[in-house]
Amino acid sequence: MPKKRFYPKKTLAVIIVLLAAWWLTPTFIRSFTRVSFFEFQAPLWSVSSHLTEMQQFWSLRSHSKFELIEAGSEIARLNAAQKLRLQEFESQQVELARLEQLLNLPSYPKFRYEVTRVIRRDMSGWWQQMVIRKGKNYNIPNGAAVVYSGGVVGRVKEVHARTAVIELVSSRTFRMAAHFKNDERPVTYVGVSNLSFSIPKGQVAHVQVNLTVNPENPRHLLSSRLGGVFPDGLTIGWVDRLTPSNDGLFKTGSVRLDKRLLSLHEVAVLIPIEIPQAE
C-alpha cells in the first residue's frame, strides 16, 4: 500500500492564501464573524461552569455534620466581624458627606456591585483576560472596573449578550492611574508581558525621584480615582524596587501583583450609579 505524501509547500501556500483573504475581508464582516463565533462558544463555557459548580456541590454533600457545624460557626463569627466593619464604614460615609457639604467638595463616584462567576481564562504572553457569566442581560457596561476581595482585577473589554470579556490588570495593554499608600502624588500603572502560569506582574512609571522603596518594606500601590473608572484606594500590587527612567526625571519599577488573579472564580463589576441632578 503506497504511503501518503505530504506537501508542506502546498499547505503553506493554502495558509497564506487564507490569511490574505481574511485580511482583505471588510472590517465589519470580520467583526461580525468574530462576535458570532464568540456567541456560539459562550453557551458551552456557561454549561461547563454550571457543571463544575454542581460537582462542587455534590462533593460538599459528602462532608460530615460535625464539619458543617464547625464551618457554620466560623461563618457566624465572620458575619459578626463584618457587621462591625459595616457600621464603622457607614459612620465614615456620614462623616465624609458632612465634610463634602461643609467644604463644598464634589462627591466621590457611587457604584453598585454586580457579582458574577468566571467561566473562562485566557492567560498567555500576548493577552491576559477572562470571561464572566454576565453581559448585556445584566446591563454590564463596557469599560467598567472589575474588582475582588484582593483589589483590582481589570476592566470590561467587550460585552456580549450573556457574557463579557475582562482585560486583566496584568495584560500588557492595560493602563490606569494610581498612587502609593500615604502618598497622593499620581503615578501611572501599566501591564507588561507575562508568561503563562507565572506570578503576574506590572510596571509603575512617572514616580517622583524623591520616593524610595526597599525589598524589606515594599510600598503599597493603590488605585486612583483620577482615571475616572476605579474608586480610590483599591490594591493594585506592591513595589519593592525603583530605578531612574531614561529621561532621569522620574523613576520606574516592577509591580508584584497578587497570584490569586490566576485562579479567581468570582469577581464584582463596579457599575456607576447615576445620581439625579437637583433642578
Protein backbone atom coordinates (compact mmCIF):
# COMPACT_ATOMS: atom_id res chain seq x y z
CA MET A 1 0.00 0.00 0.00
CA PRO A 2 1.59 3.32 -1.04
CA LYS A 3 2.37 5.79 1.70
CA LYS A 4 0.63 9.15 1.84
CA ARG A 5 2.75 12.05 0.78
CA PHE A 6 2.69 15.40 2.48
CA TYR A 7 3.23 18.61 0.56
CA PRO A 8 4.38 21.28 3.06
CA LYS A 9 4.84 23.89 0.33
CA LYS A 10 1.26 23.50 -0.88
CA THR A 11 -0.03 23.57 2.71
CA LEU A 12 1.90 26.75 3.41
CA ALA A 13 0.57 28.31 0.21
CA VAL A 14 -3.01 27.49 1.20
CA ILE A 15 -2.48 29.04 4.67
CA ILE A 16 -1.02 32.20 3.11
CA VAL A 17 -3.97 32.48 0.73
CA LEU A 18 -6.48 32.05 3.57
CA LEU A 19 -4.73 34.66 5.69
CA ALA A 20 -4.61 37.09 2.78
CA ALA A 21 -8.32 36.54 2.11
CA TRP A 22 -9.09 37.14 5.78
CA TRP A 23 -7.12 40.41 5.89
CA LEU A 24 -8.74 41.62 2.67
CA THR A 25 -12.21 40.92 4.04
CA PRO A 26 -14.06 44.13 5.04
CA THR A 27 -13.73 45.07 8.71
CA PHE A 28 -17.46 44.83 9.51
CA ILE A 29 -17.61 41.27 8.16
CA ARG A 30 -14.59 40.21 10.23
CA SER A 31 -16.06 41.84 13.32
CA PHE A 32 -19.45 40.16 12.75
CA THR A 33 -17.78 36.78 12.22
CA ARG A 34 -15.67 37.10 15.38
CA VAL A 35 -18.64 38.15 17.54
CA SER A 36 -20.83 35.38 16.09
CA PHE A 37 -18.16 32.77 16.80
CA PHE A 38 -17.79 34.08 20.37
CA GLU A 39 -21.56 33.97 20.96
CA PHE A 40 -21.60 30.41 19.59
CA GLN A 41 -18.95 29.32 22.11
CA ALA A 42 -20.33 31.22 25.12
CA PRO A 43 -23.17 28.76 25.96
CA LEU A 44 -20.68 25.89 26.03
CA TRP A 45 -18.50 27.79 28.51
CA SER A 46 -21.54 28.59 30.67
CA VAL A 47 -22.67 24.96 30.72
CA SER A 48 -19.16 23.87 31.71
CA SER A 49 -19.18 26.41 34.54
CA HIS A 50 -22.56 25.19 35.83
CA LEU A 51 -21.39 21.57 35.72
CA THR A 52 -18.29 22.48 37.74
CA GLU A 53 -20.45 24.17 40.37
CA MET A 54 -22.73 21.12 40.52
CA GLN A 55 -19.71 18.87 41.00
CA GLN A 56 -18.50 21.08 43.86
CA PHE A 57 -21.97 20.98 45.42
CA TRP A 58 -22.11 17.19 45.49
CA SER A 59 -18.57 16.97 46.80
CA LEU A 60 -19.59 19.22 49.71
CA ARG A 61 -22.56 16.95 50.41
CA SER A 62 -20.09 14.25 51.43
CA HIS A 63 -18.86 16.29 54.43
CA SER A 64 -19.94 15.17 57.89
CA LYS A 65 -22.42 17.09 60.05
CA PHE A 66 -19.65 17.95 62.51
CA GLU A 67 -17.64 19.66 59.74
CA LEU A 68 -20.73 21.58 58.58
CA ILE A 69 -21.49 22.77 62.13
CA GLU A 70 -17.89 23.91 62.57
CA ALA A 71 -17.98 25.74 59.23
CA GLY A 72 -21.29 27.39 60.19
CA SER A 73 -19.82 28.62 63.46
CA GLU A 74 -16.85 30.12 61.64
CA ILE A 75 -19.17 31.87 59.17
CA ALA A 76 -21.20 33.28 62.08
CA ARG A 77 -18.02 34.74 63.63
CA LEU A 78 -17.03 36.26 60.29
CA ASN A 79 -20.52 37.74 59.83
CA ALA A 80 -20.33 39.36 63.26
CA ALA A 81 -16.96 40.93 62.42
CA GLN A 82 -18.29 42.17 59.05
CA LYS A 83 -21.31 43.77 60.73
CA LEU A 84 -18.99 45.79 62.97
CA ARG A 85 -16.92 46.87 59.96
CA LEU A 86 -20.10 47.81 58.10
CA GLN A 87 -21.23 50.03 60.97
CA GLU A 88 -17.82 51.70 61.00
CA PHE A 89 -18.00 52.18 57.23
CA GLU A 90 -21.47 53.74 57.45
CA SER A 91 -20.30 56.20 60.13
CA GLN A 92 -17.34 57.15 57.90
CA GLN A 93 -19.68 57.71 54.95
CA VAL A 94 -21.84 60.05 57.06
CA GLU A 95 -18.76 61.99 58.18
CA LEU A 96 -17.49 62.16 54.58
CA ALA A 97 -20.83 63.53 53.36
CA ARG A 98 -20.79 66.14 56.14
CA LEU A 99 -17.27 67.31 55.20
CA GLU A 100 -18.15 67.43 51.50
CA GLN A 101 -21.15 69.63 52.24
CA LEU A 102 -19.18 71.82 54.66
CA LEU A 103 -16.26 72.35 52.26
CA ASN A 104 -18.39 72.36 49.09
CA LEU A 105 -16.40 69.48 47.57
CA PRO A 106 -17.57 67.18 44.73
CA SER A 107 -18.83 63.80 45.87
CA TYR A 108 -16.95 60.57 45.22
CA PRO A 109 -18.43 58.48 42.42
CA LYS A 110 -21.02 55.92 43.55
CA PHE A 111 -21.04 52.30 42.37
CA ARG A 112 -23.10 49.18 42.77
CA TYR A 113 -21.51 45.74 42.78
CA GLU A 114 -22.62 43.14 40.23
CA VAL A 115 -21.11 39.85 41.41
CA THR A 116 -20.55 37.22 38.73
CA ARG A 117 -18.77 33.93 38.11
CA VAL A 118 -15.69 33.42 35.94
CA ILE A 119 -16.28 30.81 33.25
CA ARG A 120 -13.07 31.01 31.21
CA ARG A 121 -9.47 32.26 31.47
CA ASP A 122 -7.11 33.12 28.60
CA MET A 123 -3.61 33.51 30.03
CA SER A 124 -0.74 33.83 27.57
CA GLY A 125 2.19 36.06 26.77
CA TRP A 126 0.04 38.05 24.33
CA TRP A 127 -3.01 38.77 26.48
CA GLN A 128 -4.37 38.19 29.97
CA GLN A 129 -8.14 38.07 30.07
CA MET A 130 -11.13 36.18 31.44
CA VAL A 131 -14.79 35.70 30.54
CA ILE A 132 -17.58 36.24 33.08
CA ARG A 133 -21.11 34.83 33.08
CA LYS A 134 -22.98 38.13 32.79
CA GLY A 135 -23.27 40.60 29.93
CA LYS A 136 -25.89 42.84 28.37
CA ASN A 137 -28.61 40.83 30.13
CA TYR A 138 -27.34 42.35 33.43
CA ASN A 139 -26.54 45.80 32.00
CA ILE A 140 -22.78 45.32 32.26
CA PRO A 141 -21.23 48.48 30.71
CA ASN A 142 -18.16 48.43 28.51
CA GLY A 143 -15.10 49.87 30.27
CA ALA A 144 -16.40 49.23 33.82
CA ALA A 145 -13.98 48.42 36.64
CA VAL A 146 -13.75 44.83 37.91
CA VAL A 147 -12.59 44.05 41.46
CA TYR A 148 -12.35 41.23 44.00
CA SER A 149 -11.51 40.92 47.70
CA GLY A 150 -7.81 41.48 46.98
CA GLY A 151 -8.26 44.68 44.96
CA VAL A 152 -8.19 45.43 41.21
CA VAL A 153 -8.94 42.65 38.70
CA GLY A 154 -9.15 44.64 35.47
CA ARG A 155 -11.58 46.38 33.15
CA VAL A 156 -14.51 45.23 30.99
CA LYS A 157 -13.17 44.97 27.45
CA GLU A 158 -16.11 43.52 25.49
CA VAL A 159 -19.77 42.99 26.36
CA HIS A 160 -21.87 40.28 24.69
CA ALA A 161 -25.43 39.05 25.16
CA ARG A 162 -24.80 36.85 28.24
CA THR A 163 -21.05 37.14 28.76
CA ALA A 164 -18.35 39.79 28.98
CA VAL A 165 -14.58 39.77 28.45
CA ILE A 166 -12.38 41.24 31.21
CA GLU A 167 -8.94 42.61 30.43
CA LEU A 168 -6.81 41.78 33.48
CA VAL A 169 -4.59 44.27 35.26
CA SER A 170 -1.65 42.08 34.21
CA SER A 171 -2.38 42.50 30.48
CA ARG A 172 0.24 44.43 28.51
CA THR A 173 -2.44 46.73 27.05
CA PHE A 174 -3.85 47.70 30.49
CA ARG A 175 -3.19 51.19 31.86
CA MET A 176 -4.59 53.14 34.82
CA ALA A 177 -3.91 55.99 37.24
CA ALA A 178 -2.51 55.03 40.64
CA HIS A 179 -0.74 56.34 43.76
CA PHE A 180 1.24 54.91 46.65
CA LYS A 181 -0.22 54.44 50.11
CA ASN A 182 0.21 57.58 52.26
CA ASP A 183 1.35 59.48 49.15
CA GLU A 184 -1.30 61.16 46.99
CA ARG A 185 1.01 62.09 44.12
CA PRO A 186 -0.29 60.39 40.94
CA VAL A 187 1.70 57.73 39.09
CA THR A 188 0.93 55.52 36.10
CA TYR A 189 0.47 51.76 36.24
CA VAL A 190 0.83 49.71 33.03
CA GLY A 191 0.66 45.98 32.38
CA VAL A 192 3.56 44.03 30.90
CA SER A 193 4.00 40.73 29.06
CA ASN A 194 3.52 37.83 31.49
CA LEU A 195 4.41 34.19 30.97
CA SER A 196 1.64 31.61 31.36
CA PHE A 197 1.18 30.29 34.93
CA SER A 198 3.83 32.68 36.30
CA ILE A 199 3.21 35.14 39.13
CA PRO A 200 1.60 38.18 37.43
CA LYS A 201 3.41 41.49 37.43
CA GLY A 202 3.14 45.01 36.04
CA GLN A 203 5.10 48.24 35.93
CA VAL A 204 4.76 51.64 37.58
CA ALA A 205 6.01 54.80 35.85
CA HIS A 206 6.18 58.57 36.46
CA VAL A 207 7.22 58.09 40.10
CA GLN A 208 8.74 61.12 41.79
CA VAL A 209 12.53 60.86 42.22
CA ASN A 210 12.41 61.51 45.98
CA LEU A 211 10.26 58.44 46.64
CA THR A 212 12.25 55.40 47.81
CA VAL A 213 11.41 51.75 48.42
CA ASN A 214 13.32 48.68 49.59
CA PRO A 215 12.75 44.91 49.32
CA GLU A 216 12.33 44.55 53.10
CA ASN A 217 9.46 47.08 53.18
CA PRO A 218 7.72 47.25 49.77
CA ARG A 219 5.39 50.14 49.00
CA HIS A 220 1.68 49.51 48.56
CA LEU A 221 0.38 50.68 45.15
CA LEU A 222 -3.30 51.73 45.14
CA SER A 223 -5.85 52.77 42.53
CA SER A 224 -6.62 56.44 41.98
CA ARG A 225 -9.98 57.98 41.14
CA LEU A 226 -8.22 60.40 38.78
CA GLY A 227 -8.73 57.87 35.98
CA GLY A 228 -12.50 58.09 36.41
CA VAL A 229 -13.04 54.31 36.35
CA PHE A 230 -11.77 52.88 39.63
CA PRO A 231 -12.55 54.22 43.10
CA ASP A 232 -9.65 55.39 45.21
CA GLY A 233 -7.68 53.06 47.49
CA LEU A 234 -8.04 49.62 45.87
CA THR A 235 -4.94 47.40 45.96
CA ILE A 236 -3.04 47.00 42.68
CA GLY A 237 0.17 45.43 43.97
CA TRP A 238 3.48 46.03 45.74
CA VAL A 239 6.68 47.74 44.60
CA ASP A 240 10.00 46.77 46.20
CA ARG A 241 12.45 48.43 43.81
CA LEU A 242 12.60 51.66 41.78
CA THR A 243 15.14 52.72 39.16
CA PRO A 244 15.62 56.05 37.35
CA SER A 245 13.83 56.29 34.00
CA ASN A 246 15.67 57.01 30.75
CA ASP A 247 14.96 60.75 30.93
CA GLY A 248 16.11 60.97 34.57
CA LEU A 249 13.02 62.98 35.58
CA PHE A 250 11.08 60.10 37.14
CA LYS A 251 11.51 56.56 38.42
CA THR A 252 10.03 53.28 37.22
CA GLY A 253 9.65 49.93 38.93
CA SER A 254 8.19 46.45 38.70
CA VAL A 255 4.84 45.84 40.43
CA ARG A 256 4.23 42.47 42.07
CA LEU A 257 0.56 41.53 41.64
CA ASP A 258 -1.50 39.07 43.66
CA LYS A 259 -1.12 35.48 42.41
CA ARG A 260 -4.85 34.92 43.10
CA LEU A 261 -5.54 36.68 39.80
CA LEU A 262 -4.69 33.39 38.06
CA SER A 263 -7.36 31.39 39.91
CA LEU A 264 -10.32 33.70 40.53
CA HIS A 265 -13.75 32.05 40.47
CA GLU A 266 -15.88 35.10 41.30
CA VAL A 267 -15.46 38.84 40.69
CA ALA A 268 -17.53 42.00 41.02
CA VAL A 269 -18.20 44.58 38.30
CA LEU A 270 -18.49 48.17 39.52
CA ILE A 271 -21.44 49.76 37.73
CA PRO A 272 -21.67 53.54 38.24
CA ILE A 273 -24.85 54.82 39.87
CA GLU A 274 -26.24 57.89 38.19
CA ILE A 275 -27.21 60.44 40.81
CA PRO A 276 -30.09 62.67 39.67
CA GLN A 277 -29.12 66.33 39.46
CA ALA A 278 -31.10 68.78 41.55
CA GLU A 279 -33.09 71.22 39.44
